[in-house]
Amino acid sequence: MTSTRAYQQSLALLLPVTCLLAASANAQSIWTGATNTNWSTVTNWVPVFPAEGANIVIADDTTSSGNALNVDASHTIGSLTFGSTGTRTTAFNAQTNAFVLTLAGGIVANGNFTAVGPTFRGNFIASANQTWTVAGATGVFSDDRGFVFRGPNDSVASVPSGT
């Protein structure tokens, strides 16, 4: 009888914890860069600092520091969306330095980037099968800047262009 009661109490305690873990695995955090460009600064994120595996949204409206993200520790994220509906149009730069950012859930970037498109510099891993939706203006390449991936030691400052 005592062991059954202890088992039931254990289940009662574990169930809320399990639900919280499942909810945080699918949580979403929005990068605003309100304070600075560092990932680890809690006030750069709303509504909460991202848990590992969280989906990340790069806010449509950001401060100048919100246009850059300095990944100051290795992280794994779910999906990465540019703008609340995937249509952010302003430039964005992510830098990992010596760290690694692992993307597990794909990218959505349907905006027509009017300046420089998103630039990723450093160590990025796209794990597993994922879908990347990258769209924008059709026609001339200079109307939509696309994506740029650069290695950690690439010091080229120009953005590729063409038609």
N, C-alpha and C. Protein backbone atom coordinates (compact mmCIF):
# COMPACT_ATOMS: atom_id res chain seq x y z
N MET A 1 0.82 -1.18 0.00
CA MET A 1 0.00 0.00 0.00
C MET A 1 0.87 1.26 0.00
N THR A 2 1.91 1.26 0.82
CA THR A 2 2.79 2.42 0.90
C THR A 2 3.53 2.63 -0.41
N SER A 3 3.98 1.56 -1.04
CA SER A 3 4.71 1.70 -2.30
C SER A 3 3.81 2.23 -3.41
N THR A 4 2.54 1.84 -3.41
CA THR A 4 1.60 2.34 -4.41
C THR A 4 1.38 3.84 -4.23
N ARG A 5 1.22 4.25 -2.98
CA ARG A 5 1.01 5.67 -2.69
C ARG A 5 2.25 6.48 -3.08
N ALA A 6 3.44 5.97 -2.77
CA ALA A 6 4.68 6.66 -3.14
C ALA A 6 4.80 6.77 -4.65
N TYR A 7 4.42 5.71 -5.36
CA TYR A 7 4.46 5.71 -6.83
C TYR A 7 3.51 6.78 -7.39
N GLN A 8 2.30 6.85 -6.82
CA GLN A 8 1.33 7.84 -7.28
C GLN A 8 1.81 9.26 -7.01
N GLN A 9 2.43 9.46 -5.85
CA GLN A 9 2.95 10.78 -5.53
C GLN A 9 4.09 11.16 -6.48
N SER A 10 4.93 10.19 -6.81
CA SER A 10 6.03 10.46 -7.75
C SER A 10 5.48 10.86 -9.11
N LEU A 11 4.47 10.13 -9.58
CA LEU A 11 3.86 10.47 -10.86
C LEU A 11 3.23 11.86 -10.82
N ALA A 12 2.58 12.17 -9.71
CA ALA A 12 1.94 13.48 -9.58
C ALA A 12 2.97 14.61 -9.63
N LEU A 13 4.17 14.36 -9.12
CA LEU A 13 5.22 15.37 -9.16
C LEU A 13 5.89 15.45 -10.52
N LEU A 14 6.04 14.33 -11.19
CA LEU A 14 6.75 14.30 -12.47
C LEU A 14 5.91 14.81 -13.64
N LEU A 15 4.61 14.64 -13.58
CA LEU A 15 3.75 15.03 -14.69
C LEU A 15 3.88 16.52 -15.02
N PRO A 16 3.79 17.44 -14.05
CA PRO A 16 3.95 18.86 -14.40
C PRO A 16 5.33 19.18 -14.96
N VAL A 17 6.36 18.54 -14.43
CA VAL A 17 7.72 18.78 -14.93
C VAL A 17 7.83 18.32 -16.37
N THR A 18 7.28 17.16 -16.69
CA THR A 18 7.30 16.64 -18.05
C THR A 18 6.57 17.58 -19.00
N CYS A 19 5.44 18.10 -18.58
CA CYS A 19 4.68 19.03 -19.42
C CYS A 19 5.46 20.32 -19.66
N LEU A 20 6.13 20.82 -18.62
CA LEU A 20 6.93 22.03 -18.79
C LEU A 20 8.08 21.80 -19.75
N LEU A 21 8.74 20.65 -19.66
CA LEU A 21 9.84 20.35 -20.57
C LEU A 21 9.35 20.25 -22.00
N ALA A 22 8.22 19.63 -22.22
CA ALA A 22 7.68 19.51 -23.57
C ALA A 22 7.30 20.87 -24.12
N ALA A 23 6.72 21.72 -23.27
CA ALA A 23 6.34 23.06 -23.72
C ALA A 23 7.55 23.89 -24.07
N SER A 24 8.62 23.80 -23.27
CA SER A 24 9.80 24.61 -23.55
C SER A 24 10.53 24.15 -24.80
N ALA A 25 10.40 22.88 -25.15
CA ALA A 25 11.05 22.37 -26.35
C ALA A 25 10.45 23.00 -27.60
N ASN A 26 9.18 23.40 -27.54
CA ASN A 26 8.52 24.01 -28.69
C ASN A 26 8.33 25.51 -28.51
N ALA A 27 8.96 26.08 -27.52
CA ALA A 27 8.79 27.50 -27.23
C ALA A 27 9.40 28.36 -28.33
N GLN A 28 9.00 29.61 -28.33
CA GLN A 28 9.52 30.57 -29.31
C GLN A 28 10.05 31.79 -28.57
N SER A 29 11.20 32.26 -28.98
CA SER A 29 11.78 33.47 -28.42
C SER A 29 12.06 34.43 -29.56
N ILE A 30 11.82 35.71 -29.31
CA ILE A 30 12.02 36.74 -30.33
C ILE A 30 13.25 37.57 -29.98
N TRP A 31 14.19 37.65 -30.93
CA TRP A 31 15.40 38.46 -30.77
C TRP A 31 15.07 39.90 -31.12
N THR A 32 15.28 40.82 -30.15
CA THR A 32 15.07 42.24 -30.41
C THR A 32 16.38 43.01 -30.36
N GLY A 33 17.38 42.47 -29.66
CA GLY A 33 18.63 43.20 -29.50
C GLY A 33 18.43 44.51 -28.76
N ALA A 34 17.47 44.53 -27.85
CA ALA A 34 17.12 45.77 -27.14
C ALA A 34 18.27 46.35 -26.33
N THR A 35 19.17 45.50 -25.85
CA THR A 35 20.25 45.97 -24.98
C THR A 35 21.60 46.01 -25.67
N ASN A 36 21.95 44.93 -26.35
CA ASN A 36 23.23 44.85 -27.07
C ASN A 36 23.14 43.70 -28.07
N THR A 37 24.26 43.25 -28.61
CA THR A 37 24.24 42.21 -29.64
C THR A 37 24.51 40.81 -29.09
N ASN A 38 24.64 40.65 -27.79
CA ASN A 38 25.01 39.35 -27.21
C ASN A 38 23.81 38.44 -26.96
N TRP A 39 23.92 37.21 -27.43
CA TRP A 39 22.90 36.18 -27.22
C TRP A 39 22.59 36.04 -25.74
N SER A 40 23.60 36.04 -24.89
CA SER A 40 23.44 35.73 -23.47
C SER A 40 22.77 36.84 -22.65
N THR A 41 22.52 37.99 -23.24
CA THR A 41 21.85 39.07 -22.51
C THR A 41 20.34 38.83 -22.54
N VAL A 42 19.78 38.53 -21.39
CA VAL A 42 18.37 38.14 -21.27
C VAL A 42 17.43 39.20 -21.83
N THR A 43 17.74 40.48 -21.64
CA THR A 43 16.84 41.56 -22.08
C THR A 43 16.82 41.76 -23.59
N ASN A 44 17.60 41.00 -24.34
CA ASN A 44 17.56 41.05 -25.80
C ASN A 44 16.46 40.15 -26.37
N TRP A 45 15.79 39.39 -25.52
CA TRP A 45 14.81 38.39 -25.95
C TRP A 45 13.45 38.67 -25.33
N VAL A 46 12.38 38.44 -26.10
CA VAL A 46 11.02 38.48 -25.57
C VAL A 46 10.26 37.26 -26.09
N PRO A 47 9.30 36.71 -25.45
CA PRO A 47 8.95 37.00 -24.07
C PRO A 47 9.92 36.38 -23.06
N VAL A 48 10.73 35.41 -23.51
CA VAL A 48 11.67 34.75 -22.60
C VAL A 48 12.99 34.48 -23.32
N PHE A 49 14.03 34.32 -22.53
CA PHE A 49 15.33 33.88 -23.05
C PHE A 49 15.15 32.48 -23.63
N PRO A 50 15.71 32.20 -24.81
CA PRO A 50 15.43 30.91 -25.46
C PRO A 50 16.08 29.71 -24.76
N ALA A 51 15.29 28.68 -24.59
CA ALA A 51 15.81 27.40 -24.12
C ALA A 51 16.48 26.70 -25.30
N GLU A 52 17.32 25.74 -25.03
CA GLU A 52 17.92 24.97 -26.12
C GLU A 52 16.80 24.33 -26.93
N GLY A 53 16.89 24.40 -28.24
CA GLY A 53 15.89 23.82 -29.12
C GLY A 53 14.71 24.72 -29.42
N ALA A 54 14.66 25.91 -28.82
CA ALA A 54 13.54 26.83 -29.05
C ALA A 54 13.57 27.37 -30.48
N ASN A 55 12.40 27.72 -30.98
CA ASN A 55 12.29 28.38 -32.27
C ASN A 55 12.63 29.86 -32.06
N ILE A 56 13.41 30.42 -32.99
CA ILE A 56 13.88 31.80 -32.86
C ILE A 56 13.27 32.65 -33.97
N VAL A 57 12.77 33.83 -33.59
CA VAL A 57 12.27 34.81 -34.55
C VAL A 57 13.15 36.05 -34.44
N ILE A 58 13.64 36.53 -35.57
CA ILE A 58 14.37 37.79 -35.60
C ILE A 58 13.33 38.87 -35.84
N ALA A 59 13.14 39.76 -34.88
CA ALA A 59 12.05 40.74 -34.91
C ALA A 59 12.08 41.61 -36.16
N ASP A 60 10.88 42.01 -36.61
CA ASP A 60 10.76 42.93 -37.74
C ASP A 60 11.35 44.28 -37.39
N ASP A 61 11.00 44.77 -36.25
CA ASP A 61 11.38 46.10 -35.79
C ASP A 61 12.43 45.96 -34.71
N THR A 62 13.64 46.38 -34.98
CA THR A 62 14.69 46.23 -33.98
C THR A 62 15.50 47.50 -33.85
N THR A 63 16.23 47.58 -32.76
CA THR A 63 17.21 48.65 -32.59
C THR A 63 18.39 48.32 -33.50
N SER A 64 19.35 49.20 -33.59
CA SER A 64 20.51 48.90 -34.43
C SER A 64 21.25 47.68 -33.91
N SER A 65 21.27 47.46 -32.59
CA SER A 65 21.92 46.26 -32.08
C SER A 65 21.10 45.02 -32.37
N GLY A 66 19.81 45.18 -32.68
CA GLY A 66 18.96 44.05 -33.04
C GLY A 66 19.23 43.53 -34.44
N ASN A 67 20.03 44.26 -35.20
CA ASN A 67 20.37 43.82 -36.55
C ASN A 67 21.58 42.91 -36.58
N ALA A 68 22.12 42.61 -35.40
CA ALA A 68 23.27 41.72 -35.30
C ALA A 68 23.09 40.83 -34.09
N LEU A 69 23.63 39.63 -34.17
CA LEU A 69 23.54 38.68 -33.08
C LEU A 69 24.90 38.04 -32.88
N ASN A 70 25.49 38.26 -31.73
CA ASN A 70 26.78 37.67 -31.39
C ASN A 70 26.50 36.42 -30.56
N VAL A 71 26.69 35.26 -31.17
CA VAL A 71 26.46 33.99 -30.48
C VAL A 71 27.66 33.75 -29.58
N ASP A 72 27.47 33.99 -28.28
CA ASP A 72 28.59 33.96 -27.34
C ASP A 72 28.70 32.67 -26.54
N ALA A 73 28.07 31.60 -27.04
CA ALA A 73 28.20 30.24 -26.51
C ALA A 73 27.55 29.34 -27.56
N SER A 74 27.88 28.07 -27.57
CA SER A 74 27.27 27.15 -28.55
C SER A 74 25.82 26.87 -28.17
N HIS A 75 24.94 26.84 -29.19
CA HIS A 75 23.51 26.61 -28.96
C HIS A 75 22.94 25.77 -30.09
N THR A 76 21.84 25.08 -29.77
CA THR A 76 21.02 24.41 -30.77
C THR A 76 19.66 25.06 -30.74
N ILE A 77 19.16 25.45 -31.92
CA ILE A 77 17.83 26.07 -32.00
C ILE A 77 16.94 25.22 -32.89
N GLY A 78 15.64 25.46 -32.79
CA GLY A 78 14.69 24.81 -33.68
C GLY A 78 14.71 25.54 -35.02
N SER A 79 13.63 26.24 -35.33
CA SER A 79 13.57 26.99 -36.58
C SER A 79 14.06 28.41 -36.38
N LEU A 80 14.38 29.06 -37.49
CA LEU A 80 14.81 30.46 -37.49
C LEU A 80 13.94 31.20 -38.49
N THR A 81 13.18 32.19 -38.01
CA THR A 81 12.28 32.95 -38.86
C THR A 81 12.67 34.42 -38.83
N PHE A 82 12.78 35.02 -40.01
CA PHE A 82 13.12 36.44 -40.12
C PHE A 82 11.84 37.25 -40.21
N GLY A 83 11.49 37.92 -39.12
CA GLY A 83 10.25 38.68 -39.04
C GLY A 83 9.13 37.81 -38.50
N SER A 84 8.14 38.45 -37.91
CA SER A 84 7.06 37.70 -37.27
C SER A 84 6.30 36.83 -38.25
N THR A 85 6.28 37.20 -39.52
CA THR A 85 5.62 36.37 -40.53
C THR A 85 6.62 35.85 -41.56
N GLY A 86 7.90 35.98 -41.26
CA GLY A 86 8.92 35.53 -42.20
C GLY A 86 9.25 36.54 -43.27
N THR A 87 8.82 37.80 -43.08
CA THR A 87 9.00 38.79 -44.14
C THR A 87 9.85 39.99 -43.71
N ARG A 88 10.76 39.81 -42.79
CA ARG A 88 11.68 40.90 -42.41
C ARG A 88 12.47 41.32 -43.65
N THR A 89 12.73 42.62 -43.79
CA THR A 89 13.43 43.10 -44.99
C THR A 89 14.74 43.81 -44.69
N THR A 90 15.05 44.07 -43.43
CA THR A 90 16.30 44.76 -43.12
C THR A 90 17.43 43.78 -42.88
N ALA A 91 18.63 44.25 -43.06
CA ALA A 91 19.83 43.41 -42.95
C ALA A 91 19.94 42.77 -41.58
N PHE A 92 20.65 41.65 -41.52
CA PHE A 92 20.89 40.96 -40.26
C PHE A 92 22.21 40.21 -40.36
N ASN A 93 22.96 40.21 -39.27
CA ASN A 93 24.25 39.54 -39.25
C ASN A 93 24.35 38.67 -37.99
N ALA A 94 24.71 37.40 -38.15
CA ALA A 94 24.94 36.50 -37.02
C ALA A 94 26.40 36.08 -37.05
N GLN A 95 27.06 36.17 -35.91
CA GLN A 95 28.48 35.86 -35.78
C GLN A 95 28.65 34.86 -34.64
N THR A 96 29.31 33.71 -34.91
CA THR A 96 29.48 32.71 -33.85
C THR A 96 30.85 32.74 -33.19
N ASN A 97 31.82 33.44 -33.78
CA ASN A 97 33.19 33.44 -33.26
C ASN A 97 33.68 32.00 -33.15
N ALA A 98 34.11 31.56 -31.98
CA ALA A 98 34.63 30.19 -31.81
C ALA A 98 33.53 29.20 -31.47
N PHE A 99 32.29 29.65 -31.39
CA PHE A 99 31.19 28.78 -30.97
C PHE A 99 30.45 28.22 -32.18
N VAL A 100 29.44 27.38 -31.92
CA VAL A 100 28.67 26.73 -32.98
C VAL A 100 27.19 26.98 -32.74
N LEU A 101 26.47 27.35 -33.80
CA LEU A 101 25.02 27.46 -33.75
C LEU A 101 24.46 26.35 -34.63
N THR A 102 23.73 25.42 -34.01
CA THR A 102 23.14 24.31 -34.74
C THR A 102 21.68 24.61 -34.99
N LEU A 103 21.28 24.56 -36.26
CA LEU A 103 19.91 24.82 -36.67
C LEU A 103 19.25 23.48 -36.95
N ALA A 104 18.20 23.16 -36.20
CA ALA A 104 17.56 21.86 -36.32
C ALA A 104 16.21 21.89 -37.03
N GLY A 105 15.63 23.09 -37.24
CA GLY A 105 14.27 23.12 -37.75
C GLY A 105 14.01 23.97 -38.97
N GLY A 106 15.03 24.38 -39.70
CA GLY A 106 14.82 25.11 -40.94
C GLY A 106 14.76 26.62 -40.77
N ILE A 107 14.60 27.30 -41.91
CA ILE A 107 14.59 28.76 -41.96
C ILE A 107 13.38 29.22 -42.77
N VAL A 108 12.78 30.34 -42.34
CA VAL A 108 11.75 31.02 -43.12
C VAL A 108 12.20 32.46 -43.29
N ALA A 109 12.40 32.87 -44.53
CA ALA A 109 12.81 34.25 -44.85
C ALA A 109 12.16 34.62 -46.17
N ASN A 110 10.95 35.15 -46.10
CA ASN A 110 10.20 35.48 -47.31
C ASN A 110 10.21 36.96 -47.65
N GLY A 111 10.97 37.75 -46.89
CA GLY A 111 11.02 39.18 -47.15
C GLY A 111 11.96 39.51 -48.29
N ASN A 112 11.74 40.66 -48.90
CA ASN A 112 12.62 41.16 -49.94
C ASN A 112 13.66 42.04 -49.25
N PHE A 113 14.84 41.48 -48.98
CA PHE A 113 15.86 42.21 -48.24
C PHE A 113 16.34 43.40 -49.07
N THR A 114 16.13 44.60 -48.54
CA THR A 114 16.38 45.82 -49.30
C THR A 114 17.81 46.32 -49.19
N ALA A 115 18.57 45.86 -48.25
CA ALA A 115 19.98 46.25 -48.14
C ALA A 115 20.79 44.98 -48.31
N VAL A 116 21.48 44.58 -47.29
CA VAL A 116 22.23 43.33 -47.31
C VAL A 116 21.35 42.26 -46.70
N GLY A 117 21.26 41.11 -47.33
CA GLY A 117 20.49 40.01 -46.78
C GLY A 117 21.16 39.46 -45.53
N PRO A 118 20.53 38.50 -44.87
CA PRO A 118 21.13 37.91 -43.68
C PRO A 118 22.51 37.34 -43.98
N THR A 119 23.46 37.67 -43.13
CA THR A 119 24.82 37.17 -43.26
C THR A 119 25.15 36.34 -42.03
N PHE A 120 25.63 35.13 -42.25
CA PHE A 120 26.01 34.23 -41.18
C PHE A 120 27.51 34.03 -41.26
N ARG A 121 28.22 34.43 -40.23
CA ARG A 121 29.67 34.29 -40.22
C ARG A 121 30.06 33.40 -39.05
N GLY A 122 30.79 32.32 -39.36
CA GLY A 122 31.27 31.46 -38.29
C GLY A 122 30.91 30.01 -38.49
N ASN A 123 30.57 29.36 -37.41
CA ASN A 123 30.36 27.91 -37.38
C ASN A 123 28.87 27.61 -37.23
N PHE A 124 28.25 27.18 -38.33
CA PHE A 124 26.83 26.86 -38.33
C PHE A 124 26.64 25.43 -38.80
N ILE A 125 25.74 24.71 -38.16
CA ILE A 125 25.43 23.34 -38.55
C ILE A 125 23.93 23.26 -38.83
N ALA A 126 23.57 22.72 -39.98
CA ALA A 126 22.18 22.42 -40.29
C ALA A 126 22.02 20.92 -40.07
N SER A 127 21.36 20.55 -38.97
CA SER A 127 21.25 19.14 -38.62
C SER A 127 19.96 18.54 -39.18
N ALA A 128 20.01 17.26 -39.49
CA ALA A 128 18.84 16.49 -39.93
C ALA A 128 18.20 17.07 -41.19
N ASN A 129 17.06 16.49 -41.56
CA ASN A 129 16.31 16.99 -42.71
C ASN A 129 15.51 18.21 -42.27
N GLN A 130 15.55 19.27 -43.05
CA GLN A 130 14.81 20.47 -42.72
C GLN A 130 14.39 21.20 -43.99
N THR A 131 13.43 22.08 -43.83
CA THR A 131 12.94 22.88 -44.95
C THR A 131 13.37 24.32 -44.76
N TRP A 132 13.96 24.89 -45.80
CA TRP A 132 14.32 26.30 -45.81
C TRP A 132 13.43 26.98 -46.83
N THR A 133 12.69 27.98 -46.41
CA THR A 133 11.86 28.77 -47.31
C THR A 133 12.48 30.15 -47.40
N VAL A 134 13.13 30.42 -48.52
CA VAL A 134 13.79 31.71 -48.74
C VAL A 134 13.22 32.28 -50.03
N ALA A 135 12.44 33.34 -49.90
CA ALA A 135 11.78 33.92 -51.07
C ALA A 135 11.94 35.43 -51.01
N GLY A 136 11.27 36.11 -51.86
CA GLY A 136 11.34 37.58 -51.93
C GLY A 136 10.95 38.00 -53.31
N ALA A 137 11.54 39.08 -53.78
CA ALA A 137 11.23 39.57 -55.11
C ALA A 137 11.75 38.60 -56.17
N THR A 138 11.01 38.45 -57.23
CA THR A 138 11.48 37.66 -58.35
C THR A 138 12.11 38.59 -59.36
N GLY A 139 12.97 38.05 -60.19
CA GLY A 139 13.59 38.87 -61.22
C GLY A 139 15.03 39.18 -60.91
N VAL A 140 15.40 40.45 -60.94
CA VAL A 140 16.78 40.88 -60.81
C VAL A 140 17.32 40.58 -59.42
N PHE A 141 18.50 39.96 -59.36
CA PHE A 141 19.11 39.57 -58.09
C PHE A 141 19.32 40.76 -57.17
N SER A 142 19.66 41.92 -57.72
CA SER A 142 19.94 43.08 -56.88
C SER A 142 18.71 43.58 -56.13
N ASP A 143 17.50 43.11 -56.50
CA ASP A 143 16.29 43.49 -55.79
C ASP A 143 16.10 42.70 -54.51
N ASP A 144 16.76 41.58 -54.38
CA ASP A 144 16.65 40.76 -53.17
C ASP A 144 18.02 40.20 -52.88
N ARG A 145 18.54 40.44 -51.73
CA ARG A 145 19.93 40.13 -51.42
C ARG A 145 20.19 38.68 -51.02
N GLY A 146 19.18 37.88 -50.75
CA GLY A 146 19.40 36.47 -50.42
C GLY A 146 20.13 36.26 -49.11
N PHE A 147 20.85 35.13 -49.01
CA PHE A 147 21.60 34.76 -47.81
C PHE A 147 23.07 34.69 -48.13
N VAL A 148 23.91 34.98 -47.14
CA VAL A 148 25.36 34.86 -47.29
C VAL A 148 25.87 34.04 -46.12
N PHE A 149 26.61 32.97 -46.41
CA PHE A 149 27.27 32.18 -45.37
C PHE A 149 28.76 32.34 -45.56
N ARG A 150 29.47 32.68 -44.49
CA ARG A 150 30.92 32.87 -44.54
C ARG A 150 31.57 32.08 -43.43
N GLY A 151 32.79 31.65 -43.68
CA GLY A 151 33.56 30.94 -42.65
C GLY A 151 34.00 31.88 -41.55
N PRO A 152 34.47 31.32 -40.42
CA PRO A 152 34.85 32.16 -39.29
C PRO A 152 36.03 33.07 -39.57
N ASN A 153 36.88 32.74 -40.53
CA ASN A 153 38.07 33.55 -40.81
C ASN A 153 37.95 34.34 -42.10
N ASP A 154 36.78 34.37 -42.70
CA ASP A 154 36.55 35.10 -43.93
C ASP A 154 36.43 36.58 -43.61
N SER A 155 37.34 37.38 -44.13
CA SER A 155 37.31 38.81 -43.81
C SER A 155 36.83 39.66 -44.98
N VAL A 156 36.28 39.04 -46.00
CA VAL A 156 35.78 39.78 -47.15
C VAL A 156 34.58 40.61 -46.72
N ALA A 157 34.60 41.89 -47.01
CA ALA A 157 33.54 42.79 -46.55
C ALA A 157 32.47 43.03 -47.60
N SER A 158 32.70 42.65 -48.84
CA SER A 158 31.71 42.93 -49.88
C SER A 158 30.68 41.82 -49.96
N VAL A 159 29.52 42.16 -50.47
CA VAL A 159 28.44 41.21 -50.64
C VAL A 159 28.37 40.83 -52.11
N PRO A 160 28.28 39.53 -52.42
CA PRO A 160 28.19 39.13 -53.81
C PRO A 160 26.96 39.74 -54.48
N SER A 161 27.08 40.02 -55.76
CA SER A 161 25.93 40.55 -56.49
C SER A 161 25.92 39.95 -57.89
N GLY A 162 24.86 40.17 -58.60
CA GLY A 162 24.74 39.65 -59.95
C GLY A 162 23.30 39.64 -60.38
N THR A 163 23.02 39.01 -61.51
CA THR A 163 21.65 38.94 -61.98
C THR A 163 21.25 37.50 -62.15
